[in-house]
């Protein structure tokens, strides 16, 4: 199960897979990452971005699918993923089974940083 942790607030999502989505602060382009819990930690399954530029170029193996560059990032499973909030961008979105909600639906709107990890 995936948990979001913000200070003393722990929000169990009751799922073992989810999509983390956000809008790039400079390019204003949507970015999504599919994550799942494995025995080794949080594994990124797939990344998608609607364009490129400002340090967000998709890798050479990315393929264009339905208007997004899609690829499997080459990173090992992570113990945790740390997310920061900024007034320059919209809040993170957490998508479960195709339904997206703003991060503030799970943790306080002013919480920063937010840590995603496997629940104990």
C-alpha atoms as a PDB file:
ATOM      1  CA  UNK A   1       0.000   0.000   0.000  1.00  0.00           C
ATOM      2  CA  UNK A   2       1.233   3.515  -0.801  1.00  0.00           C
ATOM      3  CA  UNK A   3       1.305   6.210   1.891  1.00  0.00           C
ATOM      4  CA  UNK A   4       1.706   9.969   1.559  1.00  0.00           C
ATOM      5  CA  UNK A   5       3.483  11.520   4.539  1.00  0.00           C
ATOM      6  CA  UNK A   6       3.494  15.237   5.335  1.00  0.00           C
ATOM      7  CA  UNK A   7       4.933  16.020   8.748  1.00  0.00           C
ATOM      8  CA  UNK A   8       2.825  14.096  11.256  1.00  0.00           C
ATOM      9  CA  UNK A   9       0.057  13.417   8.730  1.00  0.00           C
ATOM     10  CA  UNK A  10       0.118   9.946   7.168  1.00  0.00           C
ATOM     11  CA  UNK A  11      -2.414   9.328   4.401  1.00  0.00           C
ATOM     12  CA  UNK A  12      -2.671   5.657   3.372  1.00  0.00           C
ATOM     13  CA  UNK A  13      -4.007   5.514  -0.187  1.00  0.00           C
ATOM     14  CA  UNK A  14      -5.211   1.894   0.115  1.00  0.00           C
ATOM     15  CA  UNK A  15      -3.708   1.040  -3.289  1.00  0.00           C
ATOM     16  CA  UNK A  16      -0.498  -0.580  -4.453  1.00  0.00           C
ATOM     17  CA  UNK A  17      -0.303   1.465  -7.681  1.00  0.00           C
ATOM     18  CA  UNK A  18      -1.036   5.099  -8.594  1.00  0.00           C
ATOM     19  CA  UNK A  19      -0.157   7.879 -10.997  1.00  0.00           C
ATOM     20  CA  UNK A  20       1.592  11.016  -9.820  1.00  0.00           C
ATOM     21  CA  UNK A  21       0.839  13.956 -12.147  1.00  0.00           C
ATOM     22  CA  UNK A  22       1.919  17.584 -12.290  1.00  0.00           C
ATOM     23  CA  UNK A  23       2.408  20.532 -14.633  1.00  0.00           C
ATOM     24  CA  UNK A  24       5.966  21.653 -15.397  1.00  0.00           C
ATOM     25  CA  UNK A  25       6.598  25.085 -13.869  1.00  0.00           C
ATOM     26  CA  UNK A  26       8.262  26.605 -16.950  1.00  0.00           C
ATOM     27  CA  UNK A  27       6.843  24.765 -19.959  1.00  0.00           C
ATOM     28  CA  UNK A  28       3.318  24.357 -18.476  1.00  0.00           C
ATOM     29  CA  UNK A  29       3.251  20.816 -19.885  1.00  0.00           C
ATOM     30  CA  UNK A  30       1.637  17.814 -18.194  1.00  0.00           C
ATOM     31  CA  UNK A  31       3.916  15.133 -16.778  1.00  0.00           C
ATOM     32  CA  UNK A  32       2.753  11.798 -15.328  1.00  0.00           C
ATOM     33  CA  UNK A  33       4.506   8.899 -13.632  1.00  0.00           C
ATOM     34  CA  UNK A  34       2.962   5.528 -12.796  1.00  0.00           C
ATOM     35  CA  UNK A  35       4.267   4.064  -9.524  1.00  0.00           C
ATOM     36  CA  UNK A  36       3.711   0.742  -7.765  1.00  0.00           C
ATOM     37  CA  UNK A  37       4.834  -0.862  -4.537  1.00  0.00           C
ATOM     38  CA  UNK A  38       7.130  -3.881  -4.859  1.00  0.00           C
ATOM     39  CA  UNK A  39       9.061  -5.824  -2.216  1.00  0.00           C
ATOM     40  CA  UNK A  40      12.127  -3.758  -3.244  1.00  0.00           C
ATOM     41  CA  UNK A  41      10.359  -0.405  -2.793  1.00  0.00           C
ATOM     42  CA  UNK A  42       8.489   2.074  -5.005  1.00  0.00           C
ATOM     43  CA  UNK A  43       9.006   1.269  -8.673  1.00  0.00           C
ATOM     44  CA  UNK A  44       8.309   3.683 -11.493  1.00  0.00           C
ATOM     45  CA  UNK A  45       6.465   1.728 -14.164  1.00  0.00           C
ATOM     46  CA  UNK A  46       6.075   4.390 -16.856  1.00  0.00           C
ATOM     47  CA  UNK A  47       6.531   8.123 -17.433  1.00  0.00           C
ATOM     48  CA  UNK A  48       4.602  10.320 -19.854  1.00  0.00           C
ATOM     49  CA  UNK A  49       5.125  13.918 -20.910  1.00  0.00           C
ATOM     50  CA  UNK A  50       3.123  15.981 -23.431  1.00  0.00           C
ATOM     51  CA  UNK A  51       6.141  17.820 -24.862  1.00  0.00           C
ATOM     52  CA  UNK A  52       9.738  18.750 -24.230  1.00  0.00           C
ATOM     53  CA  UNK A  53      11.936  21.675 -23.263  1.00  0.00           C
ATOM     54  CA  UNK A  54      13.372  23.333 -20.140  1.00  0.00           C
ATOM     55  CA  UNK A  55      15.199  20.230 -18.951  1.00  0.00           C
ATOM     56  CA  UNK A  56      12.377  17.791 -19.550  1.00  0.00           C
ATOM     57  CA  UNK A  57      13.427  16.163 -22.795  1.00  0.00           C
ATOM     58  CA  UNK A  58      12.210  12.576 -23.105  1.00  0.00           C
ATOM     59  CA  UNK A  59      14.964   9.962 -23.487  1.00  0.00           C
ATOM     60  CA  UNK A  60      15.831   8.451 -26.893  1.00  0.00           C
ATOM     61  CA  UNK A  61      13.806   5.291 -26.189  1.00  0.00           C
ATOM     62  CA  UNK A  62      10.576   7.281 -25.606  1.00  0.00           C
ATOM     63  CA  UNK A  63       7.829   6.724 -28.138  1.00  0.00           C
ATOM     64  CA  UNK A  64       5.021   9.090 -29.081  1.00  0.00           C
ATOM     65  CA  UNK A  65       1.657   7.598 -28.027  1.00  0.00           C
ATOM     66  CA  UNK A  66      -1.593   9.598 -28.156  1.00  0.00           C
ATOM     67  CA  UNK A  67       0.255  12.924 -27.998  1.00  0.00           C
ATOM     68  CA  UNK A  68       2.597  12.004 -25.126  1.00  0.00           C
ATOM     69  CA  UNK A  69       6.155  10.748 -25.052  1.00  0.00           C
ATOM     70  CA  UNK A  70       6.080   7.472 -23.116  1.00  0.00           C
ATOM     71  CA  UNK A  71       8.999   5.501 -21.615  1.00  0.00           C
ATOM     72  CA  UNK A  72      10.125   3.315 -18.726  1.00  0.00           C
ATOM     73  CA  UNK A  73      12.623   5.323 -16.641  1.00  0.00           C
ATOM     74  CA  UNK A  74      15.800   3.450 -15.818  1.00  0.00           C
ATOM     75  CA  UNK A  75      15.916   3.987 -12.060  1.00  0.00           C
ATOM     76  CA  UNK A  76      16.021   1.361  -9.319  1.00  0.00           C
ATOM     77  CA  UNK A  77      13.150   0.978  -6.847  1.00  0.00           C
ATOM     78  CA  UNK A  78      13.051   3.870  -4.391  1.00  0.00           C
ATOM     79  CA  UNK A  79      12.513   3.744  -0.618  1.00  0.00           C
ATOM     80  CA  UNK A  80      10.698   7.068  -0.905  1.00  0.00           C
ATOM     81  CA  UNK A  81       9.899   9.855  -3.332  1.00  0.00           C
ATOM     82  CA  UNK A  82      10.089  13.409  -1.973  1.00  0.00           C
ATOM     83  CA  UNK A  83       7.813  16.020  -3.532  1.00  0.00           C
ATOM     84  CA  UNK A  84       8.060  19.765  -2.976  1.00  0.00           C
ATOM     85  CA  UNK A  85       5.303  22.279  -3.492  1.00  0.00           C
ATOM     86  CA  UNK A  86       5.645  25.658  -5.160  1.00  0.00           C
ATOM     87  CA  UNK A  87       3.407  28.679  -5.493  1.00  0.00           C
ATOM     88  CA  UNK A  88       4.619  28.859  -9.113  1.00  0.00           C
ATOM     89  CA  UNK A  89       2.724  25.700 -10.088  1.00  0.00           C
ATOM     90  CA  UNK A  90      -0.549  23.930  -9.499  1.00  0.00           C
ATOM     91  CA  UNK A  91      -0.567  21.248  -6.816  1.00  0.00           C
ATOM     92  CA  UNK A  92       0.462  17.654  -7.491  1.00  0.00           C
ATOM     93  CA  UNK A  93      -2.317  15.342  -8.648  1.00  0.00           C
ATOM     94  CA  UNK A  94      -2.777  11.810  -7.345  1.00  0.00           C
ATOM     95  CA  UNK A  95      -4.591   9.531  -9.787  1.00  0.00           C
ATOM     96  CA  UNK A  96      -6.042   6.207  -8.722  1.00  0.00           C
ATOM     97  CA  UNK A  97      -7.973   4.005 -11.152  1.00  0.00           C
ATOM     98  CA  UNK A  98      -8.276   6.928 -13.592  1.00  0.00           C
ATOM     99  CA  UNK A  99      -9.668   9.386 -11.015  1.00  0.00           C
ATOM    100  CA  UNK A 100      -7.377  12.325 -10.193  1.00  0.00           C
ATOM    101  CA  UNK A 101      -7.500  14.496  -7.080  1.00  0.00           C
ATOM    102  CA  UNK A 102      -5.261  17.317  -5.939  1.00  0.00           C
ATOM    103  CA  UNK A 103      -2.669  16.392  -3.310  1.00  0.00           C
ATOM    104  CA  UNK A 104      -4.494  18.642  -0.827  1.00  0.00           C
ATOM    105  CA  UNK A 105      -7.284  16.050  -0.776  1.00  0.00           C
ATOM    106  CA  UNK A 106      -4.854  13.774   1.100  1.00  0.00           C
ATOM    107  CA  UNK A 107      -2.506  16.055   3.059  1.00  0.00           C
ATOM    108  CA  UNK A 108      -2.782  19.689   4.225  1.00  0.00           C
ATOM    109  CA  UNK A 109      -2.522  22.265   1.420  1.00  0.00           C
ATOM    110  CA  UNK A 110       0.471  23.938   3.086  1.00  0.00           C
ATOM    111  CA  UNK A 111       2.365  20.685   3.814  1.00  0.00           C
ATOM    112  CA  UNK A 112       5.841  20.667   2.278  1.00  0.00           C
ATOM    113  CA  UNK A 113       7.622  18.410   1.619  1.00  0.00           C
ATOM    114  CA  UNK A 114       5.418  15.389   0.962  1.00  0.00           C
ATOM    115  CA  UNK A 115       6.962  11.947   0.996  1.00  0.00           C
ATOM    116  CA  UNK A 116       5.537   8.993  -0.919  1.00  0.00           C
ATOM    117  CA  UNK A 117       6.579   5.596   0.462  1.00  0.00           C
ATOM    118  CA  UNK A 118       5.306   2.103   1.002  1.00  0.00           C
ATOM    119  CA  UNK A 119       3.148   1.966   4.126  1.00  0.00           C
ATOM    120  CA  UNK A 120       4.577  -0.057   7.001  1.00  0.00           C
END
